PDB file of N, CA and C in Angstrom:
ATOM      1  N   MET A   1     -72.919 142.624  -5.664  1.00  0.00           N
ATOM      2  CA  MET A   1     -72.997 140.845  -6.554  1.00  0.00           C
ATOM      3  C   MET A   1     -73.593 140.043  -6.633  1.00  0.00           C
ATOM      4  N   SER A   2     -75.011 140.352  -5.562  1.00  0.00           N
ATOM      5  CA  SER A   2     -75.803 139.331  -5.670  1.00  0.00           C
ATOM      6  C   SER A   2     -76.771 140.189  -7.039  1.00  0.00           C
ATOM      7  N   ILE A   3     -77.060 140.975  -7.675  1.00  0.00           N
ATOM      8  CA  ILE A   3     -77.142 140.850  -8.544  1.00  0.00           C
ATOM      9  C   ILE A   3     -76.673 140.759  -9.319  1.00  0.00           C
ATOM     10  N   LEU A   4     -75.816 141.216  -9.793  1.00  0.00           N
ATOM     11  CA  LEU A   4     -74.757 140.087 -10.644  1.00  0.00           C
ATOM     12  C   LEU A   4     -74.934 139.069 -11.193  1.00  0.00           C
ATOM     13  N   ILE A   5     -75.035 137.668 -10.000  1.00  0.00           N
ATOM     14  CA  ILE A   5     -75.008 136.755 -10.170  1.00  0.00           C
ATOM     15  C   ILE A   5     -77.039 136.328 -10.666  1.00  0.00           C
ATOM     16  N   THR A   6     -77.437 136.893  -9.378  1.00  0.00           N
ATOM     17  CA  THR A   6     -78.475 136.735 -10.258  1.00  0.00           C
ATOM     18  C   THR A   6     -79.183 137.050 -11.938  1.00  0.00           C
ATOM     19  N   SER A   7     -78.528 138.679 -12.253  1.00  0.00           N
ATOM     20  CA  SER A   7     -78.402 138.323 -14.047  1.00  0.00           C
ATOM     21  C   SER A   7     -78.282 137.735 -14.546  1.00  0.00           C
ATOM     22  N   ALA A   8     -77.042 137.418 -14.776  1.00  0.00           N
ATOM     23  CA  ALA A   8     -75.983 135.755 -14.884  1.00  0.00           C
ATOM     24  C   ALA A   8     -77.284 135.129 -15.456  1.00  0.00           C
ATOM     25  N   SER A   9     -77.618 134.646 -14.069  1.00  0.00           N
ATOM     26  CA  SER A   9     -78.382 133.369 -13.884  1.00  0.00           C
ATOM     27  C   SER A   9     -79.559 133.141 -14.742  1.00  0.00           C
ATOM     28  N   TRP A  10     -80.405 134.220 -14.840  1.00  0.00           N
ATOM     29  CA  TRP A  10     -81.629 134.102 -16.034  1.00  0.00           C
ATOM     30  C   TRP A  10     -80.761 134.645 -16.955  1.00  0.00           C
ATOM     31  N   LEU A  11     -79.646 135.779 -17.475  1.00  0.00           N
ATOM     32  CA  LEU A  11     -79.587 134.899 -18.821  1.00  0.00           C
ATOM     33  C   LEU A  11     -79.416 133.590 -19.385  1.00  0.00           C
ATOM     34  N   PHE A  12     -78.741 132.735 -18.634  1.00  0.00           N
ATOM     35  CA  PHE A  12     -78.312 131.795 -18.834  1.00  0.00           C
ATOM     36  C   PHE A  12     -79.940 130.455 -19.732  1.00  0.00           C
ATOM     37  N   LEU A  13     -80.467 131.576 -17.908  1.00  0.00           N
ATOM     38  CA  LEU A  13     -81.916 131.051 -18.150  1.00  0.00           C
ATOM     39  C   LEU A  13     -82.738 130.881 -19.843  1.00  0.00           C
ATOM     40  N   VAL A  14     -82.892 132.023 -19.464  1.00  0.00           N
ATOM     41  CA  VAL A  14     -83.250 133.077 -20.777  1.00  0.00           C
ATOM     42  C   VAL A  14     -82.450 132.493 -22.159  1.00  0.00           C
ATOM     43  N   LEU A  15     -81.289 132.112 -22.355  1.00  0.00           N
ATOM     44  CA  LEU A  15     -80.585 131.663 -23.642  1.00  0.00           C
ATOM     45  C   LEU A  15     -80.696 130.205 -23.506  1.00  0.00           C
ATOM     46  N   GLY A  16     -80.622 129.640 -22.905  1.00  0.00           N
ATOM     47  CA  GLY A  16     -81.555 127.934 -22.638  1.00  0.00           C
ATOM     48  C   GLY A  16     -82.573 127.374 -22.751  1.00  0.00           C
ATOM     49  N   GLY A  17     -83.763 128.964 -23.067  1.00  0.00           N
ATOM     50  CA  GLY A  17     -84.726 128.647 -23.543  1.00  0.00           C
ATOM     51  C   GLY A  17     -85.193 128.425 -24.692  1.00  0.00           C
ATOM     52  N   VAL A  18     -84.418 130.233 -25.659  1.00  0.00           N
ATOM     53  CA  VAL A  18     -84.403 130.122 -26.610  1.00  0.00           C
ATOM     54  C   VAL A  18     -83.396 129.055 -27.167  1.00  0.00           C
ATOM     55  N   PHE A  19     -82.643 128.883 -26.377  1.00  0.00           N
ATOM     56  CA  PHE A  19     -82.483 127.737 -27.208  1.00  0.00           C
ATOM     57  C   PHE A  19     -83.085 126.109 -27.995  1.00  0.00           C
ATOM     58  N   CYS A  20     -83.827 125.596 -26.411  1.00  0.00           N
ATOM     59  CA  CYS A  20     -84.552 124.788 -26.486  1.00  0.00           C
ATOM     60  C   CYS A  20     -86.497 125.101 -28.055  1.00  0.00           C
ATOM     61  N   ILE A  21     -86.627 126.614 -28.110  1.00  0.00           N
ATOM     62  CA  ILE A  21     -87.595 126.567 -28.462  1.00  0.00           C
ATOM     63  C   ILE A  21     -87.356 126.343 -29.777  1.00  0.00           C
ATOM     64  N   VAL A  22     -85.975 127.473 -30.109  1.00  0.00           N
ATOM     65  CA  VAL A  22     -84.961 126.581 -31.538  1.00  0.00           C
ATOM     66  C   VAL A  22     -84.845 125.227 -31.199  1.00  0.00           C
ATOM     67  N   GLY A  23     -84.854 124.748 -30.525  1.00  0.00           N
ATOM     68  CA  GLY A  23     -83.968 122.918 -31.315  1.00  0.00           C
ATOM     69  C   GLY A  23     -85.883 122.250 -31.521  1.00  0.00           C
ATOM     70  N   ALA A  24     -86.621 123.214 -30.575  1.00  0.00           N
ATOM     71  CA  ALA A  24     -88.134 122.312 -31.243  1.00  0.00           C
ATOM     72  C   ALA A  24     -88.984 122.904 -32.080  1.00  0.00           C
ATOM     73  N   ILE A  25     -88.557 123.836 -33.426  1.00  0.00           N
ATOM     74  CA  ILE A  25     -88.911 124.402 -33.463  1.00  0.00           C
ATOM     75  C   ILE A  25     -88.273 123.524 -35.185  1.00  0.00           C
ATOM     76  N   GLY A  26     -86.873 122.963 -34.792  1.00  0.00           N
ATOM     77  CA  GLY A  26     -85.494 122.248 -35.681  1.00  0.00           C
ATOM     78  C   GLY A  26     -86.479 120.847 -35.819  1.00  0.00           C
ATOM     79  N   LEU A  27     -87.156 120.479 -34.479  1.00  0.00           N
ATOM     80  CA  LEU A  27     -87.293 119.508 -34.756  1.00  0.00           C
ATOM     81  C   LEU A  27     -88.947 119.770 -36.008  1.00  0.00           C
ATOM     82  N   VAL A  28     -89.374 119.523 -35.911  1.00  0.00           N
ATOM     83  CA  VAL A  28     -90.911 119.942 -36.198  1.00  0.00           C
ATOM     84  C   VAL A  28     -90.510 120.136 -37.970  1.00  0.00           C
ATOM     85  N   ARG A  29     -89.364 121.164 -38.325  1.00  0.00           N
ATOM     86  CA  ARG A  29     -88.528 121.915 -39.516  1.00  0.00           C
ATOM     87  C   ARG A  29     -88.531 120.846 -40.411  1.00  0.00           C
ATOM     88  N   MET A  30     -87.546 120.384 -39.920  1.00  0.00           N
ATOM     89  CA  MET A  30     -86.236 119.532 -40.881  1.00  0.00           C
ATOM     90  C   MET A  30     -86.953 118.140 -41.825  1.00  0.00           C
ATOM     91  N   PRO A  31     -86.651 118.000 -42.361  1.00  0.00           N
ATOM     92  CA  PRO A  31     -86.804 116.554 -43.928  1.00  0.00           C
ATOM     93  C   PRO A  31     -86.898 115.970 -43.043  1.00  0.00           C
ATOM     94  N   ASP A  32     -85.796 115.191 -42.333  1.00  0.00           N
ATOM     95  CA  ASP A  32     -85.594 113.157 -41.997  1.00  0.00           C
ATOM     96  C   ASP A  32     -85.437 113.489 -40.833  1.00  0.00           C
ATOM     97  N   PHE A  33     -84.976 111.941 -40.798  1.00  0.00           N
ATOM     98  CA  PHE A  33     -84.619 111.819 -39.377  1.00  0.00           C
ATOM     99  C   PHE A  33     -83.344 112.205 -38.241  1.00  0.00           C
ATOM    100  N   TYR A  34     -82.217 112.247 -39.564  1.00  0.00           N
ATOM    101  CA  TYR A  34     -81.219 112.604 -39.307  1.00  0.00           C
ATOM    102  C   TYR A  34     -80.846 114.246 -38.970  1.00  0.00           C
ATOM    103  N   THR A  35     -81.293 115.163 -39.884  1.00  0.00           N
ATOM    104  CA  THR A  35     -81.444 116.596 -39.386  1.00  0.00           C
ATOM    105  C   THR A  35     -82.436 116.550 -38.125  1.00  0.00           C
ATOM    106  N   ARG A  36     -83.106 116.317 -37.679  1.00  0.00           N
ATOM    107  CA  ARG A  36     -84.544 115.673 -36.626  1.00  0.00           C
ATOM    108  C   ARG A  36     -83.623 115.726 -35.429  1.00  0.00           C
ATOM    109  N   MET A  37     -82.538 114.460 -35.572  1.00  0.00           N
ATOM    110  CA  MET A  37     -82.061 114.292 -34.795  1.00  0.00           C
ATOM    111  C   MET A  37     -80.682 115.033 -33.545  1.00  0.00           C
ATOM    112  N   HIS A  38     -79.896 115.590 -35.484  1.00  0.00           N
ATOM    113  CA  HIS A  38     -79.343 116.737 -34.694  1.00  0.00           C
ATOM    114  C   HIS A  38     -80.055 118.434 -34.218  1.00  0.00           C
ATOM    115  N   ALA A  39     -80.959 118.143 -34.515  1.00  0.00           N
ATOM    116  CA  ALA A  39     -81.834 119.395 -33.604  1.00  0.00           C
ATOM    117  C   ALA A  39     -82.699 118.346 -31.994  1.00  0.00           C
ATOM    118  N   ALA A  40     -82.712 117.798 -31.908  1.00  0.00           N
ATOM    119  CA  ALA A  40     -82.454 116.683 -31.036  1.00  0.00           C
ATOM    120  C   ALA A  40     -81.447 117.475 -29.981  1.00  0.00           C
ATOM    121  N   SER A  41     -80.188 116.973 -30.338  1.00  0.00           N
ATOM    122  CA  SER A  41     -79.087 117.388 -29.965  1.00  0.00           C
ATOM    123  C   SER A  41     -78.763 118.820 -29.182  1.00  0.00           C
ATOM    124  N   VAL A  42     -78.913 119.147 -30.398  1.00  0.00           N
ATOM    125  CA  VAL A  42     -78.645 121.437 -29.938  1.00  0.00           C
ATOM    126  C   VAL A  42     -79.697 121.339 -28.389  1.00  0.00           C
ATOM    127  N   ILE A  43     -80.782 120.982 -29.106  1.00  0.00           N
ATOM    128  CA  ILE A  43     -81.610 120.971 -27.478  1.00  0.00           C
ATOM    129  C   ILE A  43     -81.022 120.667 -26.159  1.00  0.00           C
ATOM    130  N   GLU A  44     -80.826 119.047 -26.127  1.00  0.00           N
ATOM    131  CA  GLU A  44     -80.268 118.397 -25.234  1.00  0.00           C
ATOM    132  C   GLU A  44     -79.153 119.000 -24.266  1.00  0.00           C
ATOM    133  N   THR A  45     -77.602 119.749 -25.317  1.00  0.00           N
ATOM    134  CA  THR A  45     -76.662 120.041 -24.544  1.00  0.00           C
ATOM    135  C   THR A  45     -76.473 121.996 -24.877  1.00  0.00           C
ATOM    136  N   LEU A  46     -76.955 122.120 -25.769  1.00  0.00           N
ATOM    137  CA  LEU A  46     -77.013 123.677 -25.163  1.00  0.00           C
ATOM    138  C   LEU A  46     -78.747 124.270 -24.566  1.00  0.00           C
ATOM    139  N   GLY A  47     -79.283 123.843 -24.876  1.00  0.00           N
ATOM    140  CA  GLY A  47     -80.333 124.358 -24.328  1.00  0.00           C
ATOM    141  C   GLY A  47     -80.017 123.928 -22.675  1.00  0.00           C
ATOM    142  N   ALA A  48     -80.768 122.815 -22.736  1.00  0.00           N
ATOM    143  CA  ALA A  48     -80.691 122.126 -20.536  1.00  0.00           C
ATOM    144  C   ALA A  48     -79.593 122.116 -20.089  1.00  0.00           C
ATOM    145  N   GLY A  49     -77.681 122.119 -20.926  1.00  0.00           N
ATOM    146  CA  GLY A  49     -76.396 122.682 -20.369  1.00  0.00           C
ATOM    147  C   GLY A  49     -77.213 124.285 -19.640  1.00  0.00           C
ATOM    148  N   LEU A  50     -77.671 125.050 -20.438  1.00  0.00           N
ATOM    149  CA  LEU A  50     -77.761 126.331 -20.378  1.00  0.00           C
ATOM    150  C   LEU A  50     -78.240 126.851 -18.710  1.00  0.00           C
ATOM    151  N   ILE A  51     -79.269 126.322 -19.022  1.00  0.00           N
ATOM    152  CA  ILE A  51     -80.828 125.962 -18.150  1.00  0.00           C
ATOM    153  C   ILE A  51     -79.980 125.333 -16.877  1.00  0.00           C
ATOM    154  N   LEU A  52     -79.247 124.004 -16.658  1.00  0.00           N
ATOM    155  CA  LEU A  52     -79.006 124.267 -15.757  1.00  0.00           C
ATOM    156  C   LEU A  52     -77.878 125.354 -14.938  1.00  0.00           C
ATOM    157  N   LEU A  53     -76.875 125.256 -15.812  1.00  0.00           N
ATOM    158  CA  LEU A  53     -76.141 126.120 -15.683  1.00  0.00           C
ATOM    159  C   LEU A  53     -77.012 127.270 -15.238  1.00  0.00           C
ATOM    160  N   GLY A  54     -77.766 128.105 -15.489  1.00  0.00           N
ATOM    161  CA  GLY A  54     -78.621 128.905 -14.521  1.00  0.00           C
ATOM    162  C   GLY A  54     -79.053 128.974 -13.036  1.00  0.00           C
ATOM    163  N   LEU A  55     -79.807 127.851 -13.757  1.00  0.00           N
ATOM    164  CA  LEU A  55     -79.809 127.227 -12.154  1.00  0.00           C
ATOM    165  C   LEU A  55     -79.188 126.862 -11.126  1.00  0.00           C
ATOM    166  N   MET A  56     -78.028 126.966 -11.812  1.00  0.00           N
ATOM    167  CA  MET A  56     -76.856 126.321 -10.575  1.00  0.00           C
ATOM    168  C   MET A  56     -76.101 127.744  -9.244  1.00  0.00           C
ATOM    169  N   LEU A  57     -76.407 128.823 -10.288  1.00  0.00           N
ATOM    170  CA  LEU A  57     -76.793 130.013 -10.201  1.00  0.00           C
ATOM    171  C   LEU A  57     -77.060 130.837  -8.812  1.00  0.00           C
ATOM    172  N   GLN A  58     -78.212 129.916  -9.696  1.00  0.00           N
ATOM    173  CA  GLN A  58     -79.435 130.288  -8.406  1.00  0.00           C
ATOM    174  C   GLN A  58     -79.491 129.974  -6.897  1.00  0.00           C
ATOM    175  N   ALA A  59     -79.043 128.312  -7.309  1.00  0.00           N
ATOM    176  CA  ALA A  59     -79.185 127.825  -6.186  1.00  0.00           C
ATOM    177  C   ALA A  59     -77.768 128.076  -5.132  1.00  0.00           C
ATOM    178  N   GLY A  60     -76.906 129.105  -5.523  1.00  0.00           N
ATOM    179  CA  GLY A  60     -75.429 129.231  -5.005  1.00  0.00           C
ATOM    180  C   GLY A  60     -74.717 127.744  -4.855  1.00  0.00           C
ATOM    181  N   LEU A  61     -73.946 127.881  -3.250  1.00  0.00           N
ATOM    182  CA  LEU A  61     -73.127 126.824  -3.410  1.00  0.00           C
ATOM    183  C   LEU A  61     -74.314 126.017  -2.210  1.00  0.00           C
ATOM    184  N   THR A  62     -74.872 125.099  -2.620  1.00  0.00           N
ATOM    185  CA  THR A  62     -75.712 124.393  -1.781  1.00  0.00           C
ATOM    186  C   THR A  62     -75.646 122.946  -2.384  1.00  0.00           C
ATOM    187  N   LEU A  63     -75.893 121.609  -1.741  1.00  0.00           N
ATOM    188  CA  LEU A  63     -76.788 120.386  -2.247  1.00  0.00           C
ATOM    189  C   LEU A  63     -77.117 120.311  -4.066  1.00  0.00           C
ATOM    190  N   VAL A  64     -77.930 121.314  -3.643  1.00  0.00           N
ATOM    191  CA  VAL A  64     -79.262 121.741  -4.970  1.00  0.00           C
ATOM    192  C   VAL A  64     -78.142 121.497  -6.128  1.00  0.00           C
ATOM    193  N   THR A  65     -76.639 122.068  -6.059  1.00  0.00           N
ATOM    194  CA  THR A  65     -75.979 122.452  -6.666  1.00  0.00           C
ATOM    195  C   THR A  65     -75.057 121.530  -7.556  1.00  0.00           C
ATOM    196  N   VAL A  66     -74.809 120.972  -6.402  1.00  0.00           N
ATOM    197  CA  VAL A  66     -73.928 119.854  -6.594  1.00  0.00           C
ATOM    198  C   VAL A  66     -74.868 118.692  -7.570  1.00  0.00           C
ATOM    199  N   LYS A  67     -76.392 118.465  -7.439  1.00  0.00           N
ATOM    200  CA  LYS A  67     -77.025 117.691  -7.825  1.00  0.00           C
ATOM    201  C   LYS A  67     -77.126 117.873  -9.013  1.00  0.00           C
ATOM    202  N   LEU A  68     -77.819 119.234  -9.031  1.00  0.00           N
ATOM    203  CA  LEU A  68     -77.976 119.869 -11.037  1.00  0.00           C
ATOM    204  C   LEU A  68     -76.130 119.794 -11.504  1.00  0.00           C
ATOM    205  N   LEU A  69     -75.145 119.678 -11.251  1.00  0.00           N
ATOM    206  CA  LEU A  69     -74.039 119.436 -11.323  1.00  0.00           C
ATOM    207  C   LEU A  69     -74.350 117.428 -12.111  1.00  0.00           C
ATOM    208  N   MET A  70     -74.872 117.320 -11.305  1.00  0.00           N
ATOM    209  CA  MET A  70     -74.646 115.367 -12.039  1.00  0.00           C
ATOM    210  C   MET A  70     -75.181 115.290 -12.187  1.00  0.00           C
ATOM    211  N   VAL A  71     -76.881 116.085 -12.602  1.00  0.00           N
ATOM    212  CA  VAL A  71     -77.273 116.192 -13.581  1.00  0.00           C
ATOM    213  C   VAL A  71     -76.764 116.279 -15.716  1.00  0.00           C
ATOM    214  N   GLY A  72     -75.907 117.748 -14.706  1.00  0.00           N
ATOM    215  CA  GLY A  72     -75.369 118.057 -16.292  1.00  0.00           C
ATOM    216  C   GLY A  72     -74.888 117.172 -16.763  1.00  0.00           C
ATOM    217  N   LEU A  73     -73.845 116.322 -15.707  1.00  0.00           N
ATOM    218  CA  LEU A  73     -72.563 115.072 -16.318  1.00  0.00           C
ATOM    219  C   LEU A  73     -73.714 113.801 -16.705  1.00  0.00           C
ATOM    220  N   LEU A  74     -74.943 114.007 -16.515  1.00  0.00           N
ATOM    221  CA  LEU A  74     -75.340 112.425 -16.782  1.00  0.00           C
ATOM    222  C   LEU A  74     -75.373 113.019 -18.560  1.00  0.00           C
ATOM    223  N   ILE A  75     -76.096 113.925 -18.874  1.00  0.00           N
ATOM    224  CA  ILE A  75     -76.398 114.048 -19.694  1.00  0.00           C
ATOM    225  C   ILE A  75     -75.369 114.729 -20.310  1.00  0.00           C
ATOM    226  N   LEU A  76     -74.223 114.915 -20.368  1.00  0.00           N
ATOM    227  CA  LEU A  76     -73.270 115.002 -21.813  1.00  0.00           C
ATOM    228  C   LEU A  76     -72.568 114.049 -21.857  1.00  0.00           C
ATOM    229  N   PHE A  77     -72.642 112.704 -21.090  1.00  0.00           N
ATOM    230  CA  PHE A  77     -71.917 112.039 -21.460  1.00  0.00           C
ATOM    231  C   PHE A  77     -73.143 110.560 -22.124  1.00  0.00           C
ATOM    232  N   VAL A  78     -74.634 110.596 -21.868  1.00  0.00           N
ATOM    233  CA  VAL A  78     -75.185 109.979 -21.930  1.00  0.00           C
ATOM    234  C   VAL A  78     -75.783 109.855 -23.373  1.00  0.00           C
ATOM    235  N   SER A  79     -75.910 111.878 -23.323  1.00  0.00           N
ATOM    236  CA  SER A  79     -76.683 112.676 -24.893  1.00  0.00           C
ATOM    237  C   SER A  79     -75.899 111.859 -26.162  1.00  0.00           C
ATOM    238  N   PRO A  80     -74.581 112.387 -26.377  1.00  0.00           N
ATOM    239  CA  PRO A  80     -74.167 111.812 -27.089  1.00  0.00           C
ATOM    240  C   PRO A  80     -73.475 110.342 -27.722  1.00  0.00           C
ATOM    241  N   THR A  81     -73.958 109.750 -26.449  1.00  0.00           N
ATOM    242  CA  THR A  81     -73.727 108.067 -26.488  1.00  0.00           C
ATOM    243  C   THR A  81     -74.888 107.505 -27.486  1.00  0.00           C
ATOM    244  N   ALA A  82     -76.245 108.132 -26.852  1.00  0.00           N
ATOM    245  CA  ALA A  82     -77.643 107.598 -27.228  1.00  0.00           C
ATOM    246  C   ALA A  82     -78.200 108.661 -29.089  1.00  0.00           C
ATOM    247  N   THR A  83     -77.849 109.724 -29.073  1.00  0.00           N
ATOM    248  CA  THR A  83     -77.707 110.347 -30.012  1.00  0.00           C
ATOM    249  C   THR A  83     -76.358 109.221 -31.446  1.00  0.00           C
ATOM    250  N   HIS A  84     -75.449 108.607 -30.905  1.00  0.00           N
ATOM    251  CA  HIS A  84     -74.696 107.897 -32.284  1.00  0.00           C
ATOM    252  C   HIS A  84     -75.524 106.576 -32.296  1.00  0.00           C
ATOM    253  N   ALA A  85     -76.022 105.656 -30.943  1.00  0.00           N
ATOM    254  CA  ALA A  85     -76.781 104.621 -30.916  1.00  0.00           C
ATOM    255  C   ALA A  85     -77.816 104.612 -31.805  1.00  0.00           C
ATOM    256  N   LEU A  86     -78.719 105.608 -32.363  1.00  0.00           N
ATOM    257  CA  LEU A  86     -79.441 105.627 -32.743  1.00  0.00           C
ATOM    258  C   LEU A  86     -79.000 105.924 -33.987  1.00  0.00           C
ATOM    259  N   ALA A  87     -78.536 107.041 -34.529  1.00  0.00           N
ATOM    260  CA  ALA A  87     -77.732 107.236 -36.058  1.00  0.00           C
ATOM    261  C   ALA A  87     -76.732 105.978 -36.265  1.00  0.00           C
ATOM    262  N   ARG A  88     -76.327 105.327 -35.762  1.00  0.00           N
ATOM    263  CA  ARG A  88     -76.028 103.661 -36.250  1.00  0.00           C
ATOM    264  C   ARG A  88     -77.348 102.337 -36.438  1.00  0.00           C
ATOM    265  N   ALA A  89     -78.166 102.788 -35.896  1.00  0.00           N
ATOM    266  CA  ALA A  89     -79.543 101.586 -35.840  1.00  0.00           C
ATOM    267  C   ALA A  89     -80.216 102.427 -37.261  1.00  0.00           C
ATOM    268  N   ALA A  90     -80.378 103.092 -36.899  1.00  0.00           N
ATOM    269  CA  ALA A  90     -81.130 103.772 -38.849  1.00  0.00           C
ATOM    270  C   ALA A  90     -80.251 103.654 -39.619  1.00  0.00           C
ATOM    271  N   MET A  91     -78.700 103.722 -40.215  1.00  0.00           N
ATOM    272  CA  MET A  91     -78.303 103.366 -41.067  1.00  0.00           C
ATOM    273  C   MET A  91     -78.096 101.672 -40.994  1.00  0.00           C
ATOM    274  N   VAL A  92     -78.192 100.737 -40.467  1.00  0.00           N
ATOM    275  CA  VAL A  92     -78.225  99.647 -39.421  1.00  0.00           C
ATOM    276  C   VAL A  92     -79.750  98.866 -40.667  1.00  0.00           C
ATOM    277  N   ARG A  93     -80.400  99.945 -40.601  1.00  0.00           N
ATOM    278  CA  ARG A  93     -81.755  99.148 -40.934  1.00  0.00           C
ATOM    279  C   ARG A  93     -81.815  99.976 -42.476  1.00  0.00           C
ATOM    280  N   GLY A  94     -80.989 100.744 -42.828  1.00  0.00           N
ATOM    281  CA  GLY A  94     -80.766 100.984 -44.497  1.00  0.00           C
ATOM    282  C   GLY A  94     -82.020 102.434 -44.118  1.00  0.00           C
ATOM    283  N   LEU A  95     -82.000 103.267 -43.541  1.00  0.00           N
ATOM    284  CA  LEU A  95     -82.986 104.726 -43.439  1.00  0.00           C
ATOM    285  C   LEU A  95     -81.907 105.408 -43.461  1.00  0.00           C
ATOM    286  N   LYS A  96     -81.485 106.440 -45.151  1.00  0.00           N
ATOM    287  CA  LYS A  96     -80.926 106.876 -46.080  1.00  0.00           C
ATOM    288  C   LYS A  96     -81.164 108.139 -45.379  1.00  0.00           C
ATOM    289  N   PRO A  97     -79.569 109.493 -45.449  1.00  0.00           N
ATOM    290  CA  PRO A  97     -80.472 110.323 -45.342  1.00  0.00           C
ATOM    291  C   PRO A  97     -81.018 111.097 -46.513  1.00  0.00           C
ATOM    292  N   LEU A  98     -82.044 111.825 -46.503  1.00  0.00           N
ATOM    293  CA  LEU A  98     -82.666 113.057 -48.168  1.00  0.00           C
ATOM    294  C   LEU A  98     -81.956 113.581 -48.589  1.00  0.00           C
ATOM    295  N   LEU A  99     -80.853 114.082 -47.309  1.00  0.00           N
ATOM    296  CA  LEU A  99     -80.009 115.044 -48.445  1.00  0.00           C
ATOM    297  C   LEU A  99     -78.499 114.660 -48.596  1.00  0.00           C
ATOM    298  N   ALA A 100     -78.256 113.703 -48.499  1.00  0.00           N
ATOM    299  CA  ALA A 100     -77.294 113.177 -49.320  1.00  0.00           C
ATOM    300  C   ALA A 100     -77.058 112.199 -50.163  1.00  0.00           C
ATOM    301  N   PRO A 101     -75.317 112.254 -50.949  1.00  0.00           N
ATOM    302  CA  PRO A 101     -75.263 111.924 -52.287  1.00  0.00           C
ATOM    303  C   PRO A 101     -75.472 110.181 -51.835  1.00  0.00           C
ATOM    304  N   GLU A 102     -76.070 109.700 -52.955  1.00  0.00           N
ATOM    305  CA  GLU A 102     -76.244 107.962 -53.092  1.00  0.00           C
ATOM    306  C   GLU A 102     -75.073 107.334 -52.827  1.00  0.00           C
ATOM    307  N   GLU A 103     -73.889 107.963 -53.415  1.00  0.00           N
ATOM    308  CA  GLU A 103     -72.801 107.298 -53.610  1.00  0.00           C
ATOM    309  C   GLU A 103     -71.820 107.427 -52.076  1.00  0.00           C
ATOM    310  N   LYS A 104     -71.998 107.964 -51.572  1.00  0.00           N
ATOM    311  CA  LYS A 104     -71.394 108.191 -50.252  1.00  0.00           C
ATOM    312  C   LYS A 104     -72.231 107.830 -48.933  1.00  0.00           C
ATOM    313  N   ILE A 105     -73.468 106.988 -49.156  1.00  0.00           N
ATOM    314  CA  ILE A 105     -73.638 106.389 -47.995  1.00  0.00           C
ATOM    315  C   ILE A 105     -73.390 104.886 -47.925  1.00  0.00           C
ATOM    316  N   PRO A 106     -72.719 104.409 -46.822  1.00  0.00           N
ATOM    317  CA  PRO A 106     -72.543 103.151 -47.268  1.00  0.00           C
ATOM    318  C   PRO A 106     -73.650 101.901 -46.900  1.00  0.00           C
ATOM    319  N   SER A 107     -73.679 100.539 -47.587  1.00  0.00           N
ATOM    320  CA  SER A 107     -74.332  99.900 -47.658  1.00  0.00           C
ATOM    321  C   SER A 107     -74.251  98.804 -46.486  1.00  0.00           C
ATOM    322  N   LYS A 108     -75.397  97.959 -45.864  1.00  0.00           N
ATOM    323  CA  LYS A 108     -75.054  97.127 -45.218  1.00  0.00           C
ATOM    324  C   LYS A 108     -74.153  96.544 -44.594  1.00  0.00           C
ATOM    325  N   PRO A 109     -73.985  96.246 -43.016  1.00  0.00           N
ATOM    326  CA  PRO A 109     -72.989  95.438 -43.364  1.00  0.00           C
ATOM    327  C   PRO A 109     -73.105  93.970 -42.862  1.00  0.00           C
TER     328      PRO A 109
END
C-alpha cells in the first residue's frame, strides 16, 4: 500500500510540475494581458492544486496535511476573485483584448 501511495503522490507532483511549466510558457508566449492572465490561472489552480495533493499524500494523516488543505482552500477561493478583479480593472481602464472583435467589447461605464 505504501508503494501505491508513494507512486500516486509522485504522479501528482510531476503532473503539477508539468502544468506549472506549461503555464509559465503560456505566460511568456501569449499575446495580450487577458490570455496571459488565463495562463497564470491555470498555473495556480491546476499546477498548485496537484502539487498540494501530492504533498498531502506524502505527509499522510498529520497536521501538515491539514495545513496543506487550508492553503489549497485559500488558493481555491482567492485565485478566481483576484483574477476577476484584475480583468475588471483592466477592462475599466480601457485595455482591450487583442483577439476580440471590436463590437463585442463594452465601453467604459
